[in-house]
Amino acid sequence: MNESYIQDRIWRIADGVPLKLGNMTIRTTDSQKLLVTGWTSTIHFENINKSSVLPELENLKASFNDLTETYDDLNTIIAKNNLEVEFHMAYDDAGKAGIGLCSELKGELNWYL
């Protein structure tokens, strides 16, 4: 994806249009949150555990941080809309369903496993 496409898509997040970049999906909610969801690379659900998901969550947060450093408009959208950033890790069941694994809001980690 080129930079102008990403820039345009970032501005659409505030209108409720999700942005999918690689393994990350960013969208707003009605509850004043910006949800940043990462999808685990684990293929078989029975192989998922906290110790494997935690590094993926850290990578998700680092990728989002890189995105905000590259595209300052994302920070503007967060500030203007008074959004709280909430990170989620989820398992993609071959397109059938997304299964939440954990979330982090304001540094507080919640597990669903």
PDB file of N, CA and C in Angstrom:
ATOM      1  N   MET A   1       0.837  -1.175   0.000  1.00  0.00           N
ATOM      2  CA  MET A   1       0.000   0.000   0.000  1.00  0.00           C
ATOM      3  C   MET A   1       0.886   1.243   0.000  1.00  0.00           C
ATOM      4  N   ASN A   2       0.472   2.232  -0.775  1.00  0.00           N
ATOM      5  CA  ASN A   2       1.280   3.449  -0.785  1.00  0.00           C
ATOM      6  C   ASN A   2       0.833   4.400   0.321  1.00  0.00           C
ATOM      7  N   GLU A   3       1.673   5.386   0.591  1.00  0.00           N
ATOM      8  CA  GLU A   3       1.438   6.284   1.723  1.00  0.00           C
ATOM      9  C   GLU A   3       0.169   7.114   1.584  1.00  0.00           C
ATOM     10  N   SER A   4      -0.156   7.567   0.374  1.00  0.00           N
ATOM     11  CA  SER A   4      -1.359   8.392   0.212  1.00  0.00           C
ATOM     12  C   SER A   4      -2.623   7.567   0.469  1.00  0.00           C
ATOM     13  N   TYR A   5      -2.603   6.286   0.096  1.00  0.00           N
ATOM     14  CA  TYR A   5      -3.742   5.409   0.368  1.00  0.00           C
ATOM     15  C   TYR A   5      -3.922   5.242   1.875  1.00  0.00           C
ATOM     16  N   ILE A   6      -2.821   4.974   2.577  1.00  0.00           N
ATOM     17  CA  ILE A   6      -2.894   4.794   4.032  1.00  0.00           C
ATOM     18  C   ILE A   6      -3.372   6.083   4.693  1.00  0.00           C
ATOM     19  N   GLN A   7      -2.833   7.218   4.243  1.00  0.00           N
ATOM     20  CA  GLN A   7      -3.227   8.520   4.793  1.00  0.00           C
ATOM     21  C   GLN A   7      -4.731   8.740   4.640  1.00  0.00           C
ATOM     22  N   ASP A   8      -5.254   8.456   3.464  1.00  0.00           N
ATOM     23  CA  ASP A   8      -6.692   8.605   3.212  1.00  0.00           C
ATOM     24  C   ASP A   8      -7.501   7.675   4.097  1.00  0.00           C
ATOM     25  N   ARG A   9      -7.051   6.448   4.227  1.00  0.00           N
ATOM     26  CA  ARG A   9      -7.766   5.458   5.048  1.00  0.00           C
ATOM     27  C   ARG A   9      -7.727   5.810   6.530  1.00  0.00           C
ATOM     28  N   ILE A  10      -6.644   6.428   6.984  1.00  0.00           N
ATOM     29  CA  ILE A  10      -6.560   6.841   8.384  1.00  0.00           C
ATOM     30  C   ILE A  10      -7.658   7.835   8.707  1.00  0.00           C
ATOM     31  N   TRP A  11      -7.900   8.779   7.816  1.00  0.00           N
ATOM     32  CA  TRP A  11      -8.950   9.772   8.071  1.00  0.00           C
ATOM     33  C   TRP A  11     -10.339   9.139   8.082  1.00  0.00           C
ATOM     34  N   ARG A  12     -10.511   8.013   7.426  1.00  0.00           N
ATOM     35  CA  ARG A  12     -11.813   7.349   7.391  1.00  0.00           C
ATOM     36  C   ARG A  12     -12.106   6.565   8.673  1.00  0.00           C
ATOM     37  N   ILE A  13     -11.073   6.301   9.470  1.00  0.00           N
ATOM     38  CA  ILE A  13     -11.272   5.586  10.733  1.00  0.00           C
ATOM     39  C   ILE A  13     -12.278   6.336  11.605  1.00  0.00           C
ATOM     40  N   ALA A  14     -12.159   7.664  11.651  1.00  0.00           N
ATOM     41  CA  ALA A  14     -13.060   8.477  12.478  1.00  0.00           C
ATOM     42  C   ALA A  14     -14.504   8.364  12.021  1.00  0.00           C
ATOM     43  N   ASP A  15     -14.720   7.998  10.760  1.00  0.00           N
ATOM     44  CA  ASP A  15     -16.072   7.820  10.225  1.00  0.00           C
ATOM     45  C   ASP A  15     -16.589   6.399  10.416  1.00  0.00           C
ATOM     46  N   GLY A  16     -15.812   5.575  11.119  1.00  0.00           N
ATOM     47  CA  GLY A  16     -16.254   4.210  11.394  1.00  0.00           C
ATOM     48  C   GLY A  16     -15.795   3.183  10.378  1.00  0.00           C
ATOM     49  N   VAL A  17     -14.923   3.571   9.444  1.00  0.00           N
ATOM     50  CA  VAL A  17     -14.425   2.634   8.437  1.00  0.00           C
ATOM     51  C   VAL A  17     -13.139   1.995   8.964  1.00  0.00           C
ATOM     52  N   PRO A  18     -13.136   0.684   9.192  1.00  0.00           N
ATOM     53  CA  PRO A  18     -11.938   0.026   9.727  1.00  0.00           C
ATOM     54  C   PRO A  18     -10.773   0.097   8.741  1.00  0.00           C
ATOM     55  N   LEU A  19      -9.577   0.125   9.289  1.00  0.00           N
ATOM     56  CA  LEU A  19      -8.350   0.102   8.495  1.00  0.00           C
ATOM     57  C   LEU A  19      -7.623  -1.190   8.795  1.00  0.00           C
ATOM     58  N   LYS A  20      -7.341  -1.979   7.760  1.00  0.00           N
ATOM     59  CA  LYS A  20      -6.595  -3.228   7.922  1.00  0.00           C
ATOM     60  C   LYS A  20      -5.229  -3.038   7.291  1.00  0.00           C
ATOM     61  N   LEU A  21      -4.217  -3.164   8.112  1.00  0.00           N
ATOM     62  CA  LEU A  21      -2.832  -3.081   7.656  1.00  0.00           C
ATOM     63  C   LEU A  21      -2.109  -4.340   8.106  1.00  0.00           C
ATOM     64  N   GLY A  22      -1.829  -5.208   7.177  1.00  0.00           N
ATOM     65  CA  GLY A  22      -1.153  -6.456   7.521  1.00  0.00           C
ATOM     66  C   GLY A  22      -1.957  -7.251   8.520  1.00  0.00           C
ATOM     67  N   ASN A  23      -1.388  -7.475   9.684  1.00  0.00           N
ATOM     68  CA  ASN A  23      -2.002  -8.287  10.722  1.00  0.00           C
ATOM     69  C   ASN A  23      -2.717  -7.437  11.773  1.00  0.00           C
ATOM     70  N   MET A  24      -3.002  -6.167  11.433  1.00  0.00           N
ATOM     71  CA  MET A  24      -3.594  -5.235  12.388  1.00  0.00           C
ATOM     72  C   MET A  24      -4.856  -4.623  11.779  1.00  0.00           C
ATOM     73  N   THR A  25      -5.897  -4.536  12.600  1.00  0.00           N
ATOM     74  CA  THR A  25      -7.133  -3.860  12.202  1.00  0.00           C
ATOM     75  C   THR A  25      -7.396  -2.756  13.213  1.00  0.00           C
ATOM     76  N   ILE A  26      -7.696  -1.548  12.698  1.00  0.00           N
ATOM     77  CA  ILE A  26      -7.946  -0.390  13.560  1.00  0.00           C
ATOM     78  C   ILE A  26      -9.338   0.127  13.253  1.00  0.00           C
ATOM     79  N   ARG A  27     -10.130   0.317  14.321  1.00  0.00           N
ATOM     80  CA  ARG A  27     -11.486   0.850  14.132  1.00  0.00           C
ATOM     81  C   ARG A  27     -11.934   1.569  15.393  1.00  0.00           C
ATOM     82  N   THR A  28     -12.949   2.403  15.236  1.00  0.00           N
ATOM     83  CA  THR A  28     -13.517   3.108  16.382  1.00  0.00           C
ATOM     84  C   THR A  28     -14.756   2.367  16.871  1.00  0.00           C
ATOM     85  N   THR A  29     -15.156   2.677  18.100  1.00  0.00           N
ATOM     86  CA  THR A  29     -16.379   2.117  18.661  1.00  0.00           C
ATOM     87  C   THR A  29     -17.285   3.259  19.092  1.00  0.00           C
ATOM     88  N   ASP A  30     -18.506   2.937  19.430  1.00  0.00           N
ATOM     89  CA  ASP A  30     -19.440   3.936  19.940  1.00  0.00           C
ATOM     90  C   ASP A  30     -19.079   4.369  21.358  1.00  0.00           C
ATOM     91  N   SER A  31     -18.194   3.650  22.000  1.00  0.00           N
ATOM     92  CA  SER A  31     -17.828   3.957  23.384  1.00  0.00           C
ATOM     93  C   SER A  31     -16.522   4.753  23.484  1.00  0.00           C
ATOM     94  N   GLN A  32     -16.232   5.541  22.447  1.00  0.00           N
ATOM     95  CA  GLN A  32     -15.065   6.436  22.459  1.00  0.00           C
ATOM     96  C   GLN A  32     -13.743   5.689  22.579  1.00  0.00           C
ATOM     97  N   LYS A  33     -13.649   4.551  21.912  1.00  0.00           N
ATOM     98  CA  LYS A  33     -12.407   3.792  21.915  1.00  0.00           C
ATOM     99  C   LYS A  33     -11.914   3.593  20.490  1.00  0.00           C
ATOM    100  N   LEU A  34     -10.615   3.527  20.371  1.00  0.00           N
ATOM    101  CA  LEU A  34      -9.971   3.126  19.135  1.00  0.00           C
ATOM    102  C   LEU A  34      -9.455   1.719  19.373  1.00  0.00           C
ATOM    103  N   LEU A  35     -10.074   0.749  18.743  1.00  0.00           N
ATOM    104  CA  LEU A  35      -9.673  -0.647  18.924  1.00  0.00           C
ATOM    105  C   LEU A  35      -8.582  -0.997  17.926  1.00  0.00           C
ATOM    106  N   VAL A  36      -7.483  -1.483  18.435  1.00  0.00           N
ATOM    107  CA  VAL A  36      -6.365  -1.940  17.612  1.00  0.00           C
ATOM    108  C   VAL A  36      -6.263  -3.438  17.846  1.00  0.00           C
ATOM    109  N   THR A  37      -6.659  -4.201  16.839  1.00  0.00           N
ATOM    110  CA  THR A  37      -6.715  -5.658  16.973  1.00  0.00           C
ATOM    111  C   THR A  37      -5.608  -6.301  16.158  1.00  0.00           C
ATOM    112  N   GLY A  38      -4.896  -7.191  16.808  1.00  0.00           N
ATOM    113  CA  GLY A  38      -3.884  -7.998  16.134  1.00  0.00           C
ATOM    114  C   GLY A  38      -4.363  -9.436  16.087  1.00  0.00           C
ATOM    115  N   TRP A  39      -4.002 -10.112  15.037  1.00  0.00           N
ATOM    116  CA  TRP A  39      -4.441 -11.495  14.855  1.00  0.00           C
ATOM    117  C   TRP A  39      -3.254 -12.416  15.067  1.00  0.00           C
ATOM    118  N   THR A  40      -3.409 -13.359  15.986  1.00  0.00           N
ATOM    119  CA  THR A  40      -2.311 -14.259  16.321  1.00  0.00           C
ATOM    120  C   THR A  40      -1.873 -15.065  15.097  1.00  0.00           C
ATOM    121  N   SER A  41      -0.604 -15.384  15.055  1.00  0.00           N
ATOM    122  CA  SER A  41      -0.082 -16.190  13.954  1.00  0.00           C
ATOM    123  C   SER A  41      -0.224 -17.686  14.227  1.00  0.00           C
ATOM    124  N   THR A  42      -0.693 -18.040  15.412  1.00  0.00           N
ATOM    125  CA  THR A  42      -0.894 -19.448  15.768  1.00  0.00           C
ATOM    126  C   THR A  42      -2.028 -20.026  14.928  1.00  0.00           C
ATOM    127  N   ILE A  43      -1.781 -21.155  14.314  1.00  0.00           N
ATOM    128  CA  ILE A  43      -2.760 -21.761  13.404  1.00  0.00           C
ATOM    129  C   ILE A  43      -3.780 -22.617  14.146  1.00  0.00           C
ATOM    130  N   HIS A  44      -3.342 -23.393  15.107  1.00  0.00           N
ATOM    131  CA  HIS A  44      -4.237 -24.298  15.831  1.00  0.00           C
ATOM    132  C   HIS A  44      -4.559 -23.716  17.208  1.00  0.00           C
ATOM    133  N   PHE A  45      -5.839 -23.535  17.472  1.00  0.00           N
ATOM    134  CA  PHE A  45      -6.281 -22.893  18.705  1.00  0.00           C
ATOM    135  C   PHE A  45      -5.727 -23.578  19.956  1.00  0.00           C
ATOM    136  N   GLU A  46      -5.628 -24.893  19.914  1.00  0.00           N
ATOM    137  CA  GLU A  46      -5.154 -25.616  21.097  1.00  0.00           C
ATOM    138  C   GLU A  46      -3.684 -25.298  21.431  1.00  0.00           C
ATOM    139  N   ASN A  47      -2.976 -24.668  20.510  1.00  0.00           N
ATOM    140  CA  ASN A  47      -1.576 -24.289  20.753  1.00  0.00           C
ATOM    141  C   ASN A  47      -1.433 -22.875  21.327  1.00  0.00           C
ATOM    142  N   ILE A  48      -2.530 -22.187  21.521  1.00  0.00           N
ATOM    143  CA  ILE A  48      -2.476 -20.823  22.042  1.00  0.00           C
ATOM    144  C   ILE A  48      -2.337 -20.855  23.555  1.00  0.00           C
ATOM    145  N   ASN A  49      -1.403 -20.049  24.054  1.00  0.00           N
ATOM    146  CA  ASN A  49      -1.246 -19.887  25.493  1.00  0.00           C
ATOM    147  C   ASN A  49      -0.772 -18.455  25.764  1.00  0.00           C
ATOM    148  N   LYS A  50      -0.828 -18.065  26.998  1.00  0.00           N
ATOM    149  CA  LYS A  50      -0.481 -16.685  27.369  1.00  0.00           C
ATOM    150  C   LYS A  50       0.948 -16.331  26.986  1.00  0.00           C
ATOM    151  N   SER A  51       1.854 -17.275  27.154  1.00  0.00           N
ATOM    152  CA  SER A  51       3.259 -16.963  26.869  1.00  0.00           C
ATOM    153  C   SER A  51       3.515 -16.768  25.371  1.00  0.00           C
ATOM    154  N   SER A  52       2.679 -17.323  24.518  1.00  0.00           N
ATOM    155  CA  SER A  52       2.855 -17.102  23.081  1.00  0.00           C
ATOM    156  C   SER A  52       2.109 -15.852  22.604  1.00  0.00           C
ATOM    157  N   VAL A  53       1.036 -15.500  23.277  1.00  0.00           N
ATOM    158  CA  VAL A  53       0.233 -14.341  22.875  1.00  0.00           C
ATOM    159  C   VAL A  53       0.857 -13.031  23.342  1.00  0.00           C
ATOM    160  N   LEU A  54       1.479 -13.033  24.501  1.00  0.00           N
ATOM    161  CA  LEU A  54       2.039 -11.806  25.065  1.00  0.00           C
ATOM    162  C   LEU A  54       3.061 -11.127  24.148  1.00  0.00           C
ATOM    163  N   PRO A  55       4.025 -11.859  23.561  1.00  0.00           N
ATOM    164  CA  PRO A  55       4.953 -11.193  22.630  1.00  0.00           C
ATOM    165  C   PRO A  55       4.242 -10.627  21.401  1.00  0.00           C
ATOM    166  N   GLU A  56       3.183 -11.301  20.938  1.00  0.00           N
ATOM    167  CA  GLU A  56       2.426 -10.795  19.796  1.00  0.00           C
ATOM    168  C   GLU A  56       1.700  -9.501  20.158  1.00  0.00           C
ATOM    169  N   LEU A  57       1.198  -9.410  21.381  1.00  0.00           N
ATOM    170  CA  LEU A  57       0.571  -8.176  21.843  1.00  0.00           C
ATOM    171  C   LEU A  57       1.596  -7.046  21.885  1.00  0.00           C
ATOM    172  N   GLU A  58       2.797  -7.337  22.378  1.00  0.00           N
ATOM    173  CA  GLU A  58       3.855  -6.323  22.426  1.00  0.00           C
ATOM    174  C   GLU A  58       4.236  -5.865  21.017  1.00  0.00           C
ATOM    175  N   ASN A  59       4.293  -6.797  20.068  1.00  0.00           N
ATOM    176  CA  ASN A  59       4.574  -6.445  18.670  1.00  0.00           C
ATOM    177  C   ASN A  59       3.459  -5.581  18.080  1.00  0.00           C
ATOM    178  N   LEU A  60       2.220  -5.889  18.439  1.00  0.00           N
ATOM    179  CA  LEU A  60       1.079  -5.099  17.974  1.00  0.00           C
ATOM    180  C   LEU A  60       1.197  -3.663  18.472  1.00  0.00           C
ATOM    181  N   LYS A  61       1.500  -3.503  19.740  1.00  0.00           N
ATOM    182  CA  LYS A  61       1.634  -2.163  20.321  1.00  0.00           C
ATOM    183  C   LYS A  61       2.792  -1.405  19.675  1.00  0.00           C
ATOM    184  N   ALA A  62       3.889  -2.080  19.420  1.00  0.00           N
ATOM    185  CA  ALA A  62       5.037  -1.443  18.768  1.00  0.00           C
ATOM    186  C   ALA A  62       4.688  -1.040  17.336  1.00  0.00           C
ATOM    187  N   SER A  63       3.973  -1.891  16.618  1.00  0.00           N
ATOM    188  CA  SER A  63       3.563  -1.568  15.247  1.00  0.00           C
ATOM    189  C   SER A  63       2.623  -0.371  15.223  1.00  0.00           C
ATOM    190  N   PHE A  64       1.705  -0.324  16.173  1.00  0.00           N
ATOM    191  CA  PHE A  64       0.789   0.812  16.249  1.00  0.00           C
ATOM    192  C   PHE A  64       1.560   2.087  16.589  1.00  0.00           C
ATOM    193  N   ASN A  65       2.526   1.978  17.492  1.00  0.00           N
ATOM    194  CA  ASN A  65       3.356   3.130  17.848  1.00  0.00           C
ATOM    195  C   ASN A  65       4.127   3.635  16.619  1.00  0.00           C
ATOM    196  N   ASP A  66       4.678   2.722  15.838  1.00  0.00           N
ATOM    197  CA  ASP A  66       5.378   3.094  14.604  1.00  0.00           C
ATOM    198  C   ASP A  66       4.427   3.815  13.649  1.00  0.00           C
ATOM    199  N   LEU A  67       3.197   3.327  13.577  1.00  0.00           N
ATOM    200  CA  LEU A  67       2.199   3.935  12.700  1.00  0.00           C
ATOM    201  C   LEU A  67       1.883   5.367  13.143  1.00  0.00           C
ATOM    202  N   THR A  68       1.746   5.574  14.444  1.00  0.00           N
ATOM    203  CA  THR A  68       1.444   6.927  14.938  1.00  0.00           C
ATOM    204  C   THR A  68       2.633   7.861  14.744  1.00  0.00           C
ATOM    205  N   GLU A  69       3.839   7.333  14.755  1.00  0.00           N
ATOM    206  CA  GLU A  69       5.011   8.169  14.501  1.00  0.00           C
ATOM    207  C   GLU A  69       5.123   8.538  13.025  1.00  0.00           C
ATOM    208  N   THR A  70       4.711   7.635  12.151  1.00  0.00           N
ATOM    209  CA  THR A  70       4.776   7.883  10.712  1.00  0.00           C
ATOM    210  C   THR A  70       3.619   8.752  10.233  1.00  0.00           C
ATOM    211  N   TYR A  71       2.442   8.521  10.783  1.00  0.00           N
ATOM    212  CA  TYR A  71       1.232   9.238  10.356  1.00  0.00           C
ATOM    213  C   TYR A  71       0.668  10.007  11.545  1.00  0.00           C
ATOM    214  N   ASP A  72       1.109  11.237  11.706  1.00  0.00           N
ATOM    215  CA  ASP A  72       0.678  12.065  12.827  1.00  0.00           C
ATOM    216  C   ASP A  72      -0.826  12.333  12.801  1.00  0.00           C
ATOM    217  N   ASP A  73      -1.450  12.216  11.627  1.00  0.00           N
ATOM    218  CA  ASP A  73      -2.898  12.411  11.537  1.00  0.00           C
ATOM    219  C   ASP A  73      -3.651  11.425  12.418  1.00  0.00           C
ATOM    220  N   LEU A  74      -3.082  10.260  12.634  1.00  0.00           N
ATOM    221  CA  LEU A  74      -3.716   9.281  13.516  1.00  0.00           C
ATOM    222  C   LEU A  74      -3.779   9.817  14.938  1.00  0.00           C
ATOM    223  N   ASN A  75      -2.710  10.472  15.380  1.00  0.00           N
ATOM    224  CA  ASN A  75      -2.712  11.104  16.706  1.00  0.00           C
ATOM    225  C   ASN A  75      -3.747  12.225  16.772  1.00  0.00           C
ATOM    226  N   THR A  76      -3.892  12.965  15.687  1.00  0.00           N
ATOM    227  CA  THR A  76      -4.881  14.047  15.622  1.00  0.00           C
ATOM    228  C   THR A  76      -6.286  13.487  15.766  1.00  0.00           C
ATOM    229  N   ILE A  77      -6.577  12.403  15.076  1.00  0.00           N
ATOM    230  CA  ILE A  77      -7.900  11.770  15.160  1.00  0.00           C
ATOM    231  C   ILE A  77      -8.169  11.292  16.583  1.00  0.00           C
ATOM    232  N   ILE A  78      -7.175  10.686  17.212  1.00  0.00           N
ATOM    233  CA  ILE A  78      -7.336  10.197  18.581  1.00  0.00           C
ATOM    234  C   ILE A  78      -7.628  11.368  19.520  1.00  0.00           C
ATOM    235  N   ALA A  79      -6.873  12.441  19.386  1.00  0.00           N
ATOM    236  CA  ALA A  79      -7.038  13.603  20.274  1.00  0.00           C
ATOM    237  C   ALA A  79      -8.356  14.330  20.015  1.00  0.00           C
ATOM    238  N   LYS A  80      -8.681  14.599  18.753  1.00  0.00           N
ATOM    239  CA  LYS A  80      -9.897  15.362  18.428  1.00  0.00           C
ATOM    240  C   LYS A  80     -11.171  14.616  18.812  1.00  0.00           C
ATOM    241  N   ASN A  81     -11.122  13.300  18.756  1.00  0.00           N
ATOM    242  CA  ASN A  81     -12.302  12.500  19.071  1.00  0.00           C
ATOM    243  C   ASN A  81     -12.272  11.947  20.491  1.00  0.00           C
ATOM    244  N   ASN A  82     -11.256  12.366  21.258  1.00  0.00           N
ATOM    245  CA  ASN A  82     -11.117  11.951  22.654  1.00  0.00           C
ATOM    246  C   ASN A  82     -11.211  10.423  22.791  1.00  0.00           C
ATOM    247  N   LEU A  83     -10.421   9.720  21.972  1.00  0.00           N
ATOM    248  CA  LEU A  83     -10.472   8.259  21.941  1.00  0.00           C
ATOM    249  C   LEU A  83      -9.426   7.649  22.873  1.00  0.00           C
ATOM    250  N   GLU A  84      -9.804   6.572  23.518  1.00  0.00           N
ATOM    251  CA  GLU A  84      -8.873   5.758  24.293  1.00  0.00           C
ATOM    252  C   GLU A  84      -8.453   4.597  23.402  1.00  0.00           C
ATOM    253  N   VAL A  85      -7.168   4.300  23.381  1.00  0.00           N
ATOM    254  CA  VAL A  85      -6.661   3.209  22.560  1.00  0.00           C
ATOM    255  C   VAL A  85      -6.723   1.914  23.366  1.00  0.00           C
ATOM    256  N   GLU A  86      -7.393   0.935  22.804  1.00  0.00           N
ATOM    257  CA  GLU A  86      -7.503  -0.384  23.431  1.00  0.00           C
ATOM    258  C   GLU A  86      -6.939  -1.420  22.466  1.00  0.00           C
ATOM    259  N   PHE A  87      -5.984  -2.198  22.940  1.00  0.00           N
ATOM    260  CA  PHE A  87      -5.352  -3.225  22.125  1.00  0.00           C
ATOM    261  C   PHE A  87      -6.014  -4.567  22.385  1.00  0.00           C
ATOM    262  N   HIS A  88      -6.178  -5.342  21.322  1.00  0.00           N
ATOM    263  CA  HIS A  88      -6.769  -6.679  21.413  1.00  0.00           C
ATOM    264  C   HIS A  88      -5.912  -7.653  20.621  1.00  0.00           C
ATOM    265  N   MET A  89      -5.784  -8.850  21.134  1.00  0.00           N
ATOM    266  CA  MET A  89      -5.230  -9.954  20.362  1.00  0.00           C
ATOM    267  C   MET A  89      -6.361 -10.954  20.179  1.00  0.00           C
ATOM    268  N   ALA A  90      -6.465 -11.467  18.955  1.00  0.00           N
ATOM    269  CA  ALA A  90      -7.555 -12.384  18.639  1.00  0.00           C
ATOM    270  C   ALA A  90      -7.042 -13.523  17.761  1.00  0.00           C
ATOM    271  N   TYR A  91      -7.815 -14.586  17.765  1.00  0.00           N
ATOM    272  CA  TYR A  91      -7.538 -15.757  16.933  1.00  0.00           C
ATOM    273  C   TYR A  91      -8.552 -15.764  15.806  1.00  0.00           C
ATOM    274  N   ASP A  92      -8.078 -15.932  14.577  1.00  0.00           N
ATOM    275  CA  ASP A  92      -8.956 -15.995  13.409  1.00  0.00           C
ATOM    276  C   ASP A  92      -9.211 -17.457  13.095  1.00  0.00           C
ATOM    277  N   ASP A  93     -10.440 -17.880  13.288  1.00  0.00           N
ATOM    278  CA  ASP A  93     -10.820 -19.273  13.056  1.00  0.00           C
ATOM    279  C   ASP A  93     -11.136 -19.483  11.576  1.00  0.00           C
ATOM    280  N   ALA A  94     -10.127 -19.356  10.741  1.00  0.00           N
ATOM    281  CA  ALA A  94     -10.236 -19.562   9.290  1.00  0.00           C
ATOM    282  C   ALA A  94     -11.390 -18.753   8.689  1.00  0.00           C
ATOM    283  N   GLY A  95     -11.576 -17.541   9.179  1.00  0.00           N
ATOM    284  CA  GLY A  95     -12.613 -16.670   8.633  1.00  0.00           C
ATOM    285  C   GLY A  95     -14.000 -16.914   9.182  1.00  0.00           C
ATOM    286  N   LYS A  96     -14.162 -17.929  10.031  1.00  0.00           N
ATOM    287  CA  LYS A  96     -15.479 -18.236  10.594  1.00  0.00           C
ATOM    288  C   LYS A  96     -15.827 -17.305  11.749  1.00  0.00           C
ATOM    289  N   ALA A  97     -14.825 -17.015  12.591  1.00  0.00           N
ATOM    290  CA  ALA A  97     -15.060 -16.175  13.767  1.00  0.00           C
ATOM    291  C   ALA A  97     -13.738 -15.644  14.285  1.00  0.00           C
ATOM    292  N   GLY A  98     -13.804 -14.522  14.970  1.00  0.00           N
ATOM    293  CA  GLY A  98     -12.643 -13.997  15.668  1.00  0.00           C
ATOM    294  C   GLY A  98     -12.823 -14.293  17.150  1.00  0.00           C
ATOM    295  N   ILE A  99     -11.873 -14.939  17.754  1.00  0.00           N
ATOM    296  CA  ILE A  99     -11.963 -15.307  19.162  1.00  0.00           C
ATOM    297  C   ILE A  99     -10.990 -14.428  19.947  1.00  0.00           C
ATOM    298  N   GLY A 100     -11.529 -13.627  20.861  1.00  0.00           N
ATOM    299  CA  GLY A 100     -10.699 -12.746  21.660  1.00  0.00           C
ATOM    300  C   GLY A 100      -9.797 -13.525  22.598  1.00  0.00           C
ATOM    301  N   LEU A 101      -8.531 -13.119  22.666  1.00  0.00           N
ATOM    302  CA  LEU A 101      -7.567 -13.774  23.540  1.00  0.00           C
ATOM    303  C   LEU A 101      -7.228 -12.907  24.739  1.00  0.00           C
ATOM    304  N   CYS A 102      -7.010 -11.602  24.489  1.00  0.00           N
ATOM    305  CA  CYS A 102      -6.717 -10.675  25.568  1.00  0.00           C
ATOM    306  C   CYS A 102      -6.921  -9.249  25.067  1.00  0.00           C
ATOM    307  N   SER A 103      -6.989  -8.318  26.022  1.00  0.00           N
ATOM    308  CA  SER A 103      -7.071  -6.900  25.676  1.00  0.00           C
ATOM    309  C   SER A 103      -6.236  -6.115  26.674  1.00  0.00           C
ATOM    310  N   GLU A 104      -5.843  -4.927  26.257  1.00  0.00           N
ATOM    311  CA  GLU A 104      -5.107  -4.039  27.148  1.00  0.00           C
ATOM    312  C   GLU A 104      -5.634  -2.627  26.965  1.00  0.00           C
ATOM    313  N   LEU A 105      -6.041  -2.028  28.073  1.00  0.00           N
ATOM    314  CA  LEU A 105      -6.537  -0.662  28.097  1.00  0.00           C
ATOM    315  C   LEU A 105      -5.882   0.047  29.266  1.00  0.00           C
ATOM    316  N   LYS A 106      -5.241   1.172  28.998  1.00  0.00           N
ATOM    317  CA  LYS A 106      -4.546   1.952  30.031  1.00  0.00           C
ATOM    318  C   LYS A 106      -3.540   1.108  30.799  1.00  0.00           C
ATOM    319  N   GLY A 107      -2.875   0.207  30.109  1.00  0.00           N
ATOM    320  CA  GLY A 107      -1.842  -0.618  30.734  1.00  0.00           C
ATOM    321  C   GLY A 107      -2.363  -1.812  31.504  1.00  0.00           C
ATOM    322  N   GLU A 108      -3.687  -1.969  31.579  1.00  0.00           N
ATOM    323  CA  GLU A 108      -4.266  -3.106  32.303  1.00  0.00           C
ATOM    324  C   GLU A 108      -4.582  -4.233  31.322  1.00  0.00           C
ATOM    325  N   LEU A 109      -3.981  -5.374  31.555  1.00  0.00           N
ATOM    326  CA  LEU A 109      -4.124  -6.542  30.687  1.00  0.00           C
ATOM    327  C   LEU A 109      -5.248  -7.437  31.199  1.00  0.00           C
ATOM    328  N   ASN A 110      -6.147  -7.798  30.299  1.00  0.00           N
ATOM    329  CA  ASN A 110      -7.253  -8.713  30.621  1.00  0.00           C
ATOM    330  C   ASN A 110      -7.176  -9.915  29.700  1.00  0.00           C
ATOM    331  N   TRP A 111      -7.180 -11.090  30.296  1.00  0.00           N
ATOM    332  CA  TRP A 111      -7.117 -12.331  29.518  1.00  0.00           C
ATOM    333  C   TRP A 111      -8.507 -12.922  29.365  1.00  0.00           C
ATOM    334  N   TYR A 112      -8.757 -13.506  28.212  1.00  0.00           N
ATOM    335  CA  TYR A 112     -10.018 -14.207  27.950  1.00  0.00           C
ATOM    336  C   TYR A 112      -9.776 -15.701  27.827  1.00  0.00           C
ATOM    337  N   LEU A 113      -8.529 -16.125  27.990  1.00  0.00           N
ATOM    338  CA  LEU A 113      -8.189 -17.557  27.890  1.00  0.00           C
ATOM    339  C   LEU A 113      -8.485 -18.275  29.179  1.00  0.00           C
TER     340      LEU A 113
END
